[in-house]
């Protein structure tokens, strides 16, 4: 087995020092490590680097090498999830679709005709829309005191913030089982992921139309 030493770019650490209350989630760190390892493997001779050149994610390649392949008895391609909750319901977003997780941002109300737009917040020196995850996901507003976390996700016009009750962290695809979305689900439901303790509704942020 080859051993590699991975050095993360300095700008990542600058971002960590600069953002203050904003938290850089495991997704960002994992993507940086993946890129570094991907580059080294592609530069090496043979091995799994050749699989990566064909677009196979490094986690899936390692899992296949170890014989630990995610269940594929469904139409949805397994992905690593950032798992969060709204009240007592668990949701997951593919990590590639979450820019970061923010906390303790001041939310300023603005006039709006949207029921789920609760205001704007200064995020990375830009006024960014904040949408109530309770209304978006469950049609019932969250108490702001029970929604301390904000997910930065893609919206129709750029990044938007979605308030949620709690962010649990990263769950690799190979650690959970997968099922197709129920036929009666909203359009933003992509699949179901589950283990022995919980069921996670996998969401597609683009389906929110925020």
N, C-alpha and C. Protein backbone atom coordinates (compact mmCIF):
# COMPACT_ATOMS: atom_id res chain seq x y z
N UNK A 1 0.85 -1.20 0.00
CA UNK A 1 0.00 0.00 0.00
C UNK A 1 0.88 1.25 0.00
N UNK A 2 0.59 2.19 -0.91
CA UNK A 2 1.36 3.42 -0.94
C UNK A 2 0.88 4.38 0.13
N UNK A 3 1.82 5.18 0.64
CA UNK A 3 1.48 6.21 1.62
C UNK A 3 1.77 7.57 1.01
N UNK A 4 0.86 8.53 1.21
CA UNK A 4 1.04 9.86 0.67
C UNK A 4 0.92 10.87 1.80
N UNK A 5 1.65 11.96 1.67
CA UNK A 5 1.50 13.10 2.57
C UNK A 5 0.78 14.20 1.81
N UNK A 6 -0.34 14.69 2.37
CA UNK A 6 -1.17 15.67 1.69
C UNK A 6 -1.04 17.01 2.39
N UNK A 7 -0.68 18.06 1.64
CA UNK A 7 -0.63 19.41 2.17
C UNK A 7 -1.78 20.21 1.59
N UNK A 8 -2.62 20.79 2.46
CA UNK A 8 -3.75 21.57 1.99
C UNK A 8 -3.30 22.99 1.65
N UNK A 9 -3.95 23.62 0.65
CA UNK A 9 -3.56 24.97 0.23
C UNK A 9 -3.68 25.98 1.37
N UNK A 10 -2.79 26.98 1.34
CA UNK A 10 -2.77 27.99 2.39
C UNK A 10 -4.05 28.81 2.40
N UNK A 11 -4.69 29.00 1.22
CA UNK A 11 -5.89 29.84 1.20
C UNK A 11 -7.03 29.23 2.00
N UNK A 12 -7.03 27.90 2.19
CA UNK A 12 -8.05 27.27 3.03
C UNK A 12 -7.91 27.72 4.47
N UNK A 13 -6.66 27.77 4.96
CA UNK A 13 -6.44 28.20 6.33
C UNK A 13 -6.72 29.70 6.49
N UNK A 14 -6.41 30.48 5.46
CA UNK A 14 -6.76 31.90 5.50
C UNK A 14 -8.25 32.07 5.62
N UNK A 15 -9.00 31.25 4.88
CA UNK A 15 -10.47 31.33 4.94
C UNK A 15 -10.97 30.96 6.33
N UNK A 16 -10.36 29.96 6.94
CA UNK A 16 -10.77 29.55 8.29
C UNK A 16 -10.54 30.67 9.29
N UNK A 17 -9.41 31.38 9.17
CA UNK A 17 -9.11 32.47 10.11
C UNK A 17 -10.00 33.67 9.85
N UNK A 18 -10.39 33.92 8.60
CA UNK A 18 -11.10 35.12 8.24
C UNK A 18 -12.58 35.07 8.56
N UNK A 19 -13.18 33.89 8.54
CA UNK A 19 -14.64 33.82 8.58
C UNK A 19 -15.25 33.93 9.97
N UNK A 20 -14.47 33.84 11.02
CA UNK A 20 -15.00 34.08 12.36
C UNK A 20 -16.05 33.08 12.76
N UNK A 21 -17.30 33.54 12.89
CA UNK A 21 -18.39 32.68 13.35
C UNK A 21 -18.79 31.66 12.30
N UNK A 22 -18.43 31.89 11.07
CA UNK A 22 -18.80 30.95 10.01
C UNK A 22 -17.96 29.69 10.15
N UNK A 23 -18.59 28.55 10.03
CA UNK A 23 -17.92 27.27 10.19
C UNK A 23 -17.71 26.60 8.84
N UNK A 24 -16.48 26.22 8.53
CA UNK A 24 -16.21 25.47 7.30
C UNK A 24 -16.47 24.00 7.59
N UNK A 25 -17.45 23.39 6.93
CA UNK A 25 -17.86 22.02 7.26
C UNK A 25 -16.88 20.99 6.70
N UNK A 26 -17.05 19.74 7.10
CA UNK A 26 -16.16 18.68 6.59
C UNK A 26 -16.16 18.58 5.08
N UNK A 27 -17.26 19.03 4.42
CA UNK A 27 -17.31 18.93 2.97
C UNK A 27 -16.14 19.66 2.33
N UNK A 28 -15.84 20.89 2.81
CA UNK A 28 -14.79 21.67 2.20
C UNK A 28 -13.44 21.01 2.39
N UNK A 29 -13.17 20.57 3.59
CA UNK A 29 -11.91 19.90 3.87
C UNK A 29 -11.78 18.63 3.04
N UNK A 30 -12.86 17.88 2.96
CA UNK A 30 -12.82 16.62 2.22
C UNK A 30 -12.57 16.86 0.74
N UNK A 31 -13.18 17.90 0.18
CA UNK A 31 -12.98 18.19 -1.23
C UNK A 31 -11.53 18.55 -1.50
N UNK A 32 -10.89 19.31 -0.58
CA UNK A 32 -9.50 19.69 -0.77
C UNK A 32 -8.60 18.46 -0.72
N UNK A 33 -8.87 17.57 0.23
CA UNK A 33 -8.06 16.35 0.34
C UNK A 33 -8.25 15.48 -0.89
N UNK A 34 -9.52 15.35 -1.34
CA UNK A 34 -9.79 14.55 -2.53
C UNK A 34 -9.00 15.06 -3.73
N UNK A 35 -8.99 16.41 -3.90
CA UNK A 35 -8.30 16.98 -5.04
C UNK A 35 -6.81 16.67 -4.99
N UNK A 36 -6.22 16.82 -3.79
CA UNK A 36 -4.79 16.57 -3.66
C UNK A 36 -4.45 15.10 -3.92
N UNK A 37 -5.24 14.19 -3.35
CA UNK A 37 -4.99 12.77 -3.54
C UNK A 37 -5.24 12.37 -4.99
N UNK A 38 -6.32 12.93 -5.55
CA UNK A 38 -6.64 12.66 -6.96
C UNK A 38 -5.45 13.01 -7.85
N UNK A 39 -4.86 14.20 -7.63
CA UNK A 39 -3.73 14.64 -8.44
C UNK A 39 -2.55 13.70 -8.31
N UNK A 40 -2.23 13.30 -7.08
CA UNK A 40 -1.08 12.42 -6.87
C UNK A 40 -1.29 11.05 -7.51
N UNK A 41 -2.50 10.53 -7.38
CA UNK A 41 -2.77 9.21 -7.96
C UNK A 41 -2.72 9.24 -9.48
N UNK A 42 -3.21 10.32 -10.07
CA UNK A 42 -3.16 10.42 -11.53
C UNK A 42 -1.74 10.56 -12.05
N UNK A 43 -0.86 11.12 -11.21
CA UNK A 43 0.53 11.28 -11.62
C UNK A 43 1.33 10.00 -11.41
N UNK A 44 0.79 9.08 -10.62
CA UNK A 44 1.49 7.82 -10.39
C UNK A 44 1.22 6.86 -11.54
N UNK A 45 1.98 5.79 -11.61
CA UNK A 45 1.81 4.81 -12.68
C UNK A 45 0.80 3.75 -12.26
N UNK A 46 -0.18 3.50 -13.14
CA UNK A 46 -1.16 2.43 -12.88
C UNK A 46 -1.99 2.72 -11.65
N UNK A 47 -2.40 1.63 -10.95
CA UNK A 47 -3.16 1.78 -9.71
C UNK A 47 -4.54 2.34 -9.96
N UNK A 48 -5.12 2.89 -8.90
CA UNK A 48 -6.48 3.39 -9.03
C UNK A 48 -6.54 4.76 -9.65
N UNK A 49 -5.38 5.40 -9.87
CA UNK A 49 -5.39 6.69 -10.54
C UNK A 49 -6.06 6.63 -11.90
N UNK A 50 -5.92 5.50 -12.61
CA UNK A 50 -6.54 5.36 -13.92
C UNK A 50 -8.05 5.39 -13.82
N UNK A 51 -8.61 4.82 -12.74
CA UNK A 51 -10.06 4.87 -12.54
C UNK A 51 -10.51 6.30 -12.29
N UNK A 52 -9.70 7.07 -11.53
CA UNK A 52 -10.08 8.43 -11.23
C UNK A 52 -10.12 9.29 -12.48
N UNK A 53 -9.23 9.01 -13.43
CA UNK A 53 -9.24 9.78 -14.67
C UNK A 53 -10.54 9.60 -15.43
N UNK A 54 -11.23 8.49 -15.19
CA UNK A 54 -12.51 8.26 -15.86
C UNK A 54 -13.67 8.84 -15.07
N UNK A 55 -13.36 9.57 -13.99
CA UNK A 55 -14.40 10.27 -13.27
C UNK A 55 -14.96 9.54 -12.07
N UNK A 56 -14.36 8.43 -11.64
CA UNK A 56 -14.86 7.71 -10.48
C UNK A 56 -14.43 8.43 -9.20
N UNK A 57 -15.35 8.80 -8.29
CA UNK A 57 -14.96 9.47 -7.05
C UNK A 57 -13.98 8.62 -6.26
N UNK A 58 -13.08 9.28 -5.54
CA UNK A 58 -12.05 8.54 -4.82
C UNK A 58 -12.65 7.65 -3.74
N UNK A 59 -13.73 8.11 -3.07
CA UNK A 59 -14.33 7.28 -2.03
C UNK A 59 -14.88 5.99 -2.62
N UNK A 60 -15.51 6.11 -3.80
CA UNK A 60 -16.10 4.93 -4.43
C UNK A 60 -15.00 4.00 -4.91
N UNK A 61 -13.89 4.57 -5.42
CA UNK A 61 -12.79 3.76 -5.90
C UNK A 61 -12.19 2.97 -4.75
N UNK A 62 -11.95 3.63 -3.62
CA UNK A 62 -11.40 2.95 -2.45
C UNK A 62 -12.35 1.86 -1.97
N UNK A 63 -13.67 2.17 -1.99
CA UNK A 63 -14.66 1.19 -1.53
C UNK A 63 -14.66 -0.03 -2.43
N UNK A 64 -14.56 0.22 -3.75
CA UNK A 64 -14.55 -0.90 -4.68
C UNK A 64 -13.32 -1.77 -4.48
N UNK A 65 -12.18 -1.12 -4.21
CA UNK A 65 -10.94 -1.85 -3.99
C UNK A 65 -11.06 -2.74 -2.77
N UNK A 66 -11.78 -2.23 -1.75
CA UNK A 66 -11.92 -2.98 -0.50
C UNK A 66 -13.10 -3.93 -0.51
N UNK A 67 -13.86 -3.93 -1.60
CA UNK A 67 -15.03 -4.78 -1.68
C UNK A 67 -16.20 -4.24 -0.88
N UNK A 68 -16.18 -2.92 -0.56
CA UNK A 68 -17.24 -2.30 0.23
C UNK A 68 -18.00 -1.33 -0.66
N UNK A 69 -18.76 -1.84 -1.62
CA UNK A 69 -19.43 -1.02 -2.60
C UNK A 69 -20.84 -0.67 -2.13
N UNK A 70 -21.26 0.63 -2.29
CA UNK A 70 -22.61 1.00 -1.89
C UNK A 70 -23.66 0.22 -2.66
N UNK A 71 -24.80 0.02 -2.03
CA UNK A 71 -25.92 -0.64 -2.69
C UNK A 71 -26.35 0.18 -3.90
N UNK A 72 -26.55 -0.45 -5.04
CA UNK A 72 -26.96 0.26 -6.25
C UNK A 72 -28.28 -0.24 -6.80
N UNK A 73 -29.13 -0.80 -5.95
CA UNK A 73 -30.41 -1.30 -6.41
C UNK A 73 -31.45 -0.22 -6.49
N UNK A 74 -31.13 0.89 -7.15
CA UNK A 74 -32.01 2.03 -7.24
C UNK A 74 -31.52 2.92 -8.36
N UNK A 75 -32.30 3.95 -8.71
CA UNK A 75 -31.94 4.83 -9.81
C UNK A 75 -31.08 6.00 -9.37
N UNK A 76 -30.96 6.25 -8.07
CA UNK A 76 -30.19 7.38 -7.58
C UNK A 76 -28.76 6.96 -7.31
N UNK A 77 -27.80 7.73 -7.80
CA UNK A 77 -26.39 7.42 -7.59
C UNK A 77 -25.98 7.82 -6.17
N UNK A 78 -25.46 6.89 -5.36
CA UNK A 78 -25.07 7.22 -3.99
C UNK A 78 -24.01 8.33 -3.95
N UNK A 79 -24.16 9.25 -3.01
CA UNK A 79 -23.22 10.35 -2.84
C UNK A 79 -23.00 10.57 -1.34
N UNK A 80 -21.90 11.22 -0.99
CA UNK A 80 -21.68 11.61 0.40
C UNK A 80 -22.66 12.73 0.74
N UNK A 81 -23.23 12.68 1.94
CA UNK A 81 -24.27 13.62 2.32
C UNK A 81 -23.86 14.48 3.51
N UNK A 82 -24.21 15.76 3.46
CA UNK A 82 -24.19 16.59 4.66
C UNK A 82 -25.57 16.43 5.28
N UNK A 83 -25.64 15.79 6.44
CA UNK A 83 -26.92 15.46 7.08
C UNK A 83 -27.28 16.57 8.07
N UNK A 84 -28.54 17.00 8.01
CA UNK A 84 -29.04 18.02 8.93
C UNK A 84 -30.46 17.65 9.32
N UNK A 85 -31.01 18.38 10.27
CA UNK A 85 -32.38 18.11 10.70
C UNK A 85 -33.19 19.40 10.74
N UNK A 86 -34.46 19.27 10.49
CA UNK A 86 -35.44 20.32 10.73
C UNK A 86 -36.44 19.72 11.70
N UNK A 87 -36.44 20.28 12.90
CA UNK A 87 -37.15 19.65 14.03
C UNK A 87 -36.61 18.23 14.20
N UNK A 88 -37.43 17.21 14.11
CA UNK A 88 -36.97 15.83 14.34
C UNK A 88 -36.82 15.03 13.05
N UNK A 89 -36.90 15.68 11.91
CA UNK A 89 -36.79 14.99 10.62
C UNK A 89 -35.39 15.18 10.06
N UNK A 90 -34.81 14.10 9.55
CA UNK A 90 -33.44 14.13 9.02
C UNK A 90 -33.46 14.34 7.51
N UNK A 91 -32.56 15.20 7.03
CA UNK A 91 -32.40 15.47 5.62
C UNK A 91 -30.91 15.38 5.27
N UNK A 92 -30.64 15.22 3.97
CA UNK A 92 -29.26 15.20 3.52
C UNK A 92 -29.12 15.89 2.18
N UNK A 93 -28.03 16.65 2.02
CA UNK A 93 -27.72 17.32 0.76
C UNK A 93 -26.39 16.77 0.26
N UNK A 94 -26.28 16.41 -1.01
CA UNK A 94 -24.97 16.01 -1.54
C UNK A 94 -23.93 17.07 -1.22
N UNK A 95 -22.78 16.65 -0.73
CA UNK A 95 -21.81 17.63 -0.23
C UNK A 95 -21.36 18.61 -1.31
N UNK A 96 -21.41 18.20 -2.57
CA UNK A 96 -20.99 19.10 -3.64
C UNK A 96 -21.93 20.29 -3.78
N UNK A 97 -23.14 20.21 -3.19
CA UNK A 97 -24.12 21.28 -3.33
C UNK A 97 -24.22 22.16 -2.10
N UNK A 98 -23.33 21.96 -1.13
CA UNK A 98 -23.31 22.81 0.06
C UNK A 98 -22.01 23.59 0.05
N UNK A 99 -22.13 24.91 0.01
CA UNK A 99 -20.94 25.75 -0.02
C UNK A 99 -20.27 25.79 1.35
N UNK A 100 -21.06 25.99 2.40
CA UNK A 100 -20.53 26.03 3.75
C UNK A 100 -21.70 26.03 4.73
N UNK A 101 -21.38 26.02 6.03
CA UNK A 101 -22.38 26.13 7.08
C UNK A 101 -22.05 27.38 7.88
N UNK A 102 -23.03 28.25 8.07
CA UNK A 102 -22.82 29.49 8.82
C UNK A 102 -23.65 29.46 10.09
N UNK A 103 -23.23 30.26 11.07
CA UNK A 103 -23.95 30.30 12.35
C UNK A 103 -23.90 31.72 12.91
N UNK A 104 -24.90 32.04 13.70
CA UNK A 104 -24.96 33.29 14.44
C UNK A 104 -24.85 34.53 13.54
N UNK A 105 -25.49 34.48 12.39
CA UNK A 105 -25.55 35.66 11.53
C UNK A 105 -26.82 36.45 11.87
N UNK A 106 -26.69 37.77 11.91
CA UNK A 106 -27.85 38.63 12.16
C UNK A 106 -28.74 38.64 10.92
N UNK A 107 -30.02 38.32 11.09
CA UNK A 107 -30.97 38.27 9.98
C UNK A 107 -31.83 39.54 10.03
N UNK A 108 -31.89 40.26 8.93
CA UNK A 108 -32.61 41.53 8.86
C UNK A 108 -33.86 41.35 8.00
N UNK A 109 -35.05 41.61 8.56
CA UNK A 109 -36.29 41.45 7.78
C UNK A 109 -36.33 42.43 6.60
N UNK A 110 -36.94 41.99 5.51
CA UNK A 110 -37.15 42.85 4.33
C UNK A 110 -38.56 42.59 3.80
N UNK A 111 -39.16 43.57 3.12
CA UNK A 111 -40.49 43.33 2.52
C UNK A 111 -40.40 42.22 1.48
N UNK A 112 -41.35 41.31 1.51
CA UNK A 112 -41.33 40.19 0.57
C UNK A 112 -42.73 39.61 0.40
N UNK A 113 -42.97 39.03 -0.75
CA UNK A 113 -44.22 38.31 -1.00
C UNK A 113 -44.04 36.81 -0.85
N UNK A 114 -42.81 36.39 -0.49
CA UNK A 114 -42.52 34.96 -0.32
C UNK A 114 -42.72 34.57 1.14
N UNK A 115 -43.42 33.47 1.36
CA UNK A 115 -43.69 33.04 2.73
C UNK A 115 -42.45 32.49 3.42
N UNK A 116 -41.48 31.99 2.65
CA UNK A 116 -40.31 31.37 3.27
C UNK A 116 -39.08 32.28 3.34
N UNK A 117 -39.13 33.46 2.70
CA UNK A 117 -38.02 34.40 2.79
C UNK A 117 -38.17 35.21 4.07
N UNK A 118 -37.25 34.98 5.02
CA UNK A 118 -37.37 35.64 6.33
C UNK A 118 -36.53 36.90 6.43
N UNK A 119 -35.65 37.14 5.46
CA UNK A 119 -34.83 38.34 5.50
C UNK A 119 -33.53 38.14 4.76
N UNK A 120 -32.57 39.01 5.07
CA UNK A 120 -31.25 38.91 4.46
C UNK A 120 -30.20 38.96 5.57
N UNK A 121 -29.02 38.44 5.25
CA UNK A 121 -27.90 38.46 6.20
C UNK A 121 -26.64 38.83 5.45
N UNK A 122 -25.72 39.49 6.16
CA UNK A 122 -24.43 39.82 5.56
C UNK A 122 -23.57 38.56 5.57
N UNK A 123 -23.41 37.97 4.40
CA UNK A 123 -22.67 36.72 4.26
C UNK A 123 -21.57 36.93 3.24
N UNK A 124 -20.31 36.82 3.69
CA UNK A 124 -19.15 37.04 2.81
C UNK A 124 -19.25 38.38 2.09
N UNK A 125 -19.56 39.41 2.88
CA UNK A 125 -19.61 40.79 2.38
C UNK A 125 -20.69 41.02 1.34
N UNK A 126 -21.70 40.15 1.34
CA UNK A 126 -22.83 40.30 0.41
C UNK A 126 -24.14 40.08 1.16
N UNK A 127 -25.16 40.90 0.87
CA UNK A 127 -26.47 40.65 1.44
C UNK A 127 -27.08 39.43 0.76
N UNK A 128 -27.34 38.41 1.55
CA UNK A 128 -27.78 37.12 1.02
C UNK A 128 -29.14 36.75 1.59
N UNK A 129 -30.03 36.26 0.73
CA UNK A 129 -31.36 35.87 1.18
C UNK A 129 -31.29 34.72 2.19
N UNK A 130 -32.14 34.81 3.23
CA UNK A 130 -32.25 33.74 4.22
C UNK A 130 -33.67 33.18 4.13
N UNK A 131 -33.75 31.87 3.88
CA UNK A 131 -35.05 31.21 3.74
C UNK A 131 -35.28 30.26 4.91
N UNK A 132 -36.51 30.21 5.37
CA UNK A 132 -36.90 29.38 6.51
C UNK A 132 -36.98 27.92 6.08
N UNK A 133 -36.06 27.08 6.58
CA UNK A 133 -36.06 25.67 6.23
C UNK A 133 -37.31 24.95 6.69
N UNK A 134 -37.94 25.43 7.75
CA UNK A 134 -39.18 24.82 8.22
C UNK A 134 -40.29 24.95 7.20
N UNK A 135 -40.40 26.15 6.60
CA UNK A 135 -41.44 26.36 5.59
C UNK A 135 -41.09 25.63 4.30
N UNK A 136 -39.82 25.73 3.87
CA UNK A 136 -39.40 25.10 2.61
C UNK A 136 -39.60 23.60 2.66
N UNK A 137 -39.25 22.97 3.78
CA UNK A 137 -39.26 21.52 3.87
C UNK A 137 -40.53 20.94 4.49
N UNK A 138 -41.18 21.72 5.38
CA UNK A 138 -42.31 21.16 6.13
C UNK A 138 -43.54 22.07 6.16
N UNK A 139 -43.49 23.20 5.47
CA UNK A 139 -44.60 24.15 5.40
C UNK A 139 -45.00 24.70 6.76
N UNK A 140 -44.07 24.73 7.69
CA UNK A 140 -44.33 25.26 9.02
C UNK A 140 -43.09 26.01 9.49
N UNK A 141 -43.19 27.29 9.86
CA UNK A 141 -42.01 28.09 10.17
C UNK A 141 -41.26 27.60 11.41
N UNK A 142 -39.96 27.81 11.39
CA UNK A 142 -39.12 27.51 12.55
C UNK A 142 -39.03 28.72 13.46
N UNK A 143 -38.93 28.45 14.74
CA UNK A 143 -38.56 29.49 15.69
C UNK A 143 -37.09 29.79 15.46
N UNK A 144 -36.74 31.07 15.31
CA UNK A 144 -35.35 31.41 15.01
C UNK A 144 -34.39 30.92 16.09
N UNK A 145 -34.87 30.77 17.32
CA UNK A 145 -34.01 30.29 18.39
C UNK A 145 -33.70 28.80 18.25
N UNK A 146 -34.51 28.07 17.49
CA UNK A 146 -34.27 26.64 17.30
C UNK A 146 -33.61 26.36 15.96
N UNK A 147 -33.21 27.41 15.24
CA UNK A 147 -32.57 27.24 13.94
C UNK A 147 -31.24 27.99 13.91
N UNK A 148 -30.26 27.52 14.68
CA UNK A 148 -29.00 28.26 14.79
C UNK A 148 -28.08 28.10 13.60
N UNK A 149 -28.36 27.15 12.72
CA UNK A 149 -27.45 26.88 11.60
C UNK A 149 -28.06 27.31 10.28
N UNK A 150 -27.21 27.81 9.39
CA UNK A 150 -27.63 28.23 8.06
C UNK A 150 -26.77 27.49 7.04
N UNK A 151 -27.42 26.86 6.07
CA UNK A 151 -26.71 26.17 5.00
C UNK A 151 -26.62 27.10 3.79
N UNK A 152 -25.43 27.30 3.27
CA UNK A 152 -25.25 28.07 2.04
C UNK A 152 -25.38 27.11 0.86
N UNK A 153 -26.47 27.26 0.11
CA UNK A 153 -26.79 26.34 -0.98
C UNK A 153 -27.09 27.13 -2.25
N UNK A 154 -27.08 26.47 -3.41
CA UNK A 154 -27.38 27.20 -4.65
C UNK A 154 -28.84 27.59 -4.76
N UNK A 155 -29.09 28.84 -5.15
CA UNK A 155 -30.44 29.31 -5.44
C UNK A 155 -30.55 29.67 -6.90
N UNK A 156 -31.71 30.20 -7.31
CA UNK A 156 -31.92 30.50 -8.72
C UNK A 156 -31.05 31.66 -9.20
N UNK A 157 -30.69 32.57 -8.29
CA UNK A 157 -29.88 33.72 -8.68
C UNK A 157 -28.52 33.75 -8.03
N UNK A 158 -28.12 32.67 -7.40
CA UNK A 158 -26.85 32.64 -6.68
C UNK A 158 -27.01 31.94 -5.34
N UNK A 159 -26.06 32.13 -4.46
CA UNK A 159 -26.10 31.46 -3.16
C UNK A 159 -27.21 32.03 -2.29
N UNK A 160 -27.93 31.13 -1.60
CA UNK A 160 -28.91 31.53 -0.59
C UNK A 160 -28.61 30.77 0.69
N UNK A 161 -29.18 31.23 1.80
CA UNK A 161 -29.01 30.59 3.09
C UNK A 161 -30.31 29.94 3.52
N UNK A 162 -30.22 28.71 4.01
CA UNK A 162 -31.40 27.97 4.47
C UNK A 162 -31.25 27.67 5.95
N UNK A 163 -32.19 28.15 6.77
CA UNK A 163 -32.11 27.91 8.21
C UNK A 163 -32.57 26.50 8.54
N UNK A 164 -31.83 25.83 9.41
CA UNK A 164 -32.16 24.46 9.82
C UNK A 164 -31.96 24.35 11.33
N UNK A 165 -32.52 23.29 11.91
CA UNK A 165 -32.43 23.11 13.35
C UNK A 165 -31.04 22.70 13.79
N UNK A 166 -30.44 21.75 13.07
CA UNK A 166 -29.15 21.20 13.49
C UNK A 166 -28.43 20.57 12.31
N UNK A 167 -27.11 20.72 12.27
CA UNK A 167 -26.29 20.05 11.26
C UNK A 167 -25.55 18.91 11.94
N UNK A 168 -25.81 17.67 11.49
CA UNK A 168 -25.22 16.50 12.13
C UNK A 168 -23.81 16.22 11.63
N UNK A 169 -23.53 16.52 10.35
CA UNK A 169 -22.20 16.27 9.82
C UNK A 169 -22.23 15.44 8.55
N UNK A 170 -21.06 14.99 8.15
CA UNK A 170 -20.90 14.27 6.89
C UNK A 170 -21.14 12.78 7.06
N UNK A 171 -21.93 12.19 6.16
CA UNK A 171 -22.17 10.75 6.15
C UNK A 171 -21.73 10.20 4.80
N UNK A 172 -20.67 9.38 4.75
CA UNK A 172 -20.22 8.81 3.47
C UNK A 172 -21.27 7.89 2.86
N UNK A 173 -21.32 7.84 1.54
CA UNK A 173 -22.32 7.04 0.83
C UNK A 173 -22.24 5.57 1.19
N UNK A 174 -21.04 5.07 1.41
CA UNK A 174 -20.88 3.63 1.64
C UNK A 174 -21.37 3.20 3.03
N UNK A 175 -21.68 4.17 3.91
CA UNK A 175 -22.12 3.82 5.26
C UNK A 175 -23.63 3.71 5.39
N UNK A 176 -24.37 3.98 4.33
CA UNK A 176 -25.83 3.94 4.40
C UNK A 176 -26.39 3.20 3.19
N UNK A 177 -27.65 2.79 3.32
CA UNK A 177 -28.35 2.12 2.23
C UNK A 177 -29.28 3.13 1.55
N UNK A 178 -29.68 2.79 0.33
CA UNK A 178 -30.38 3.77 -0.49
C UNK A 178 -31.68 3.20 -1.05
N UNK A 179 -32.65 4.09 -1.26
CA UNK A 179 -33.93 3.70 -1.83
C UNK A 179 -34.43 4.84 -2.71
N UNK A 180 -35.21 4.49 -3.74
CA UNK A 180 -35.79 5.52 -4.60
C UNK A 180 -36.78 6.37 -3.83
N UNK A 181 -36.99 7.59 -4.30
CA UNK A 181 -37.94 8.51 -3.67
C UNK A 181 -39.37 7.99 -3.81
N UNK A 182 -40.22 8.16 -2.79
CA UNK A 182 -41.63 7.78 -2.93
C UNK A 182 -42.28 8.58 -4.05
N UNK A 183 -43.20 7.97 -4.75
CA UNK A 183 -43.83 8.61 -5.91
C UNK A 183 -44.57 9.88 -5.52
N UNK A 184 -45.06 9.95 -4.30
CA UNK A 184 -45.85 11.11 -3.87
C UNK A 184 -44.99 12.23 -3.27
N UNK A 185 -43.68 12.10 -3.32
CA UNK A 185 -42.79 13.08 -2.71
C UNK A 185 -42.76 14.38 -3.51
N UNK A 186 -42.41 15.50 -2.86
CA UNK A 186 -42.20 16.75 -3.60
C UNK A 186 -41.06 16.60 -4.60
N UNK A 187 -41.00 17.51 -5.56
CA UNK A 187 -40.00 17.43 -6.62
C UNK A 187 -38.58 17.54 -6.09
N UNK A 188 -38.41 18.21 -4.94
CA UNK A 188 -37.04 18.40 -4.43
C UNK A 188 -36.51 17.17 -3.69
N UNK A 189 -37.32 16.13 -3.52
CA UNK A 189 -36.84 14.89 -2.91
C UNK A 189 -36.16 14.05 -3.98
N UNK A 190 -34.87 13.72 -3.77
CA UNK A 190 -34.10 12.97 -4.76
C UNK A 190 -34.07 11.47 -4.46
N UNK A 191 -34.05 11.10 -3.17
CA UNK A 191 -33.94 9.69 -2.79
C UNK A 191 -34.14 9.59 -1.28
N UNK A 192 -34.10 8.36 -0.78
CA UNK A 192 -34.08 8.11 0.66
C UNK A 192 -32.81 7.34 0.99
N UNK A 193 -32.18 7.72 2.09
CA UNK A 193 -31.00 6.99 2.58
C UNK A 193 -31.31 6.55 4.00
N UNK A 194 -30.83 5.37 4.39
CA UNK A 194 -31.21 4.87 5.71
C UNK A 194 -30.17 3.93 6.29
N UNK A 195 -30.18 3.86 7.62
CA UNK A 195 -29.40 2.86 8.35
C UNK A 195 -30.28 2.31 9.45
N UNK A 196 -29.70 1.69 10.44
CA UNK A 196 -30.51 1.04 11.48
C UNK A 196 -31.12 2.03 12.46
N UNK A 197 -30.71 3.30 12.41
CA UNK A 197 -31.18 4.27 13.40
C UNK A 197 -32.06 5.37 12.82
N UNK A 198 -31.98 5.63 11.53
CA UNK A 198 -32.73 6.77 10.99
C UNK A 198 -32.92 6.62 9.48
N UNK A 199 -33.88 7.40 8.97
CA UNK A 199 -34.12 7.54 7.53
C UNK A 199 -33.82 9.00 7.17
N UNK A 200 -33.03 9.20 6.14
CA UNK A 200 -32.63 10.54 5.70
C UNK A 200 -33.28 10.83 4.34
N UNK A 201 -34.00 11.92 4.25
CA UNK A 201 -34.56 12.35 2.98
C UNK A 201 -33.49 13.15 2.23
N UNK A 202 -33.08 12.65 1.08
CA UNK A 202 -32.05 13.32 0.29
C UNK A 202 -32.72 14.38 -0.58
N UNK A 203 -32.26 15.62 -0.46
CA UNK A 203 -32.90 16.73 -1.16
C UNK A 203 -32.02 17.24 -2.28
N UNK A 204 -32.66 17.81 -3.29
CA UNK A 204 -31.98 18.50 -4.38
C UNK A 204 -32.28 20.00 -4.22
N UNK A 205 -31.31 20.81 -3.77
CA UNK A 205 -31.58 22.23 -3.51
C UNK A 205 -32.14 22.97 -4.72
N UNK A 206 -31.78 22.56 -5.92
CA UNK A 206 -32.29 23.24 -7.11
C UNK A 206 -33.80 23.08 -7.23
N UNK A 207 -34.35 22.02 -6.61
CA UNK A 207 -35.79 21.81 -6.64
C UNK A 207 -36.56 22.75 -5.73
N UNK A 208 -35.84 23.45 -4.84
CA UNK A 208 -36.51 24.41 -3.93
C UNK A 208 -36.95 25.67 -4.69
N UNK A 209 -36.23 26.01 -5.78
CA UNK A 209 -36.51 27.22 -6.55
C UNK A 209 -36.45 28.46 -5.67
N UNK A 210 -35.41 28.56 -4.86
CA UNK A 210 -35.26 29.70 -3.96
C UNK A 210 -34.56 30.87 -4.67
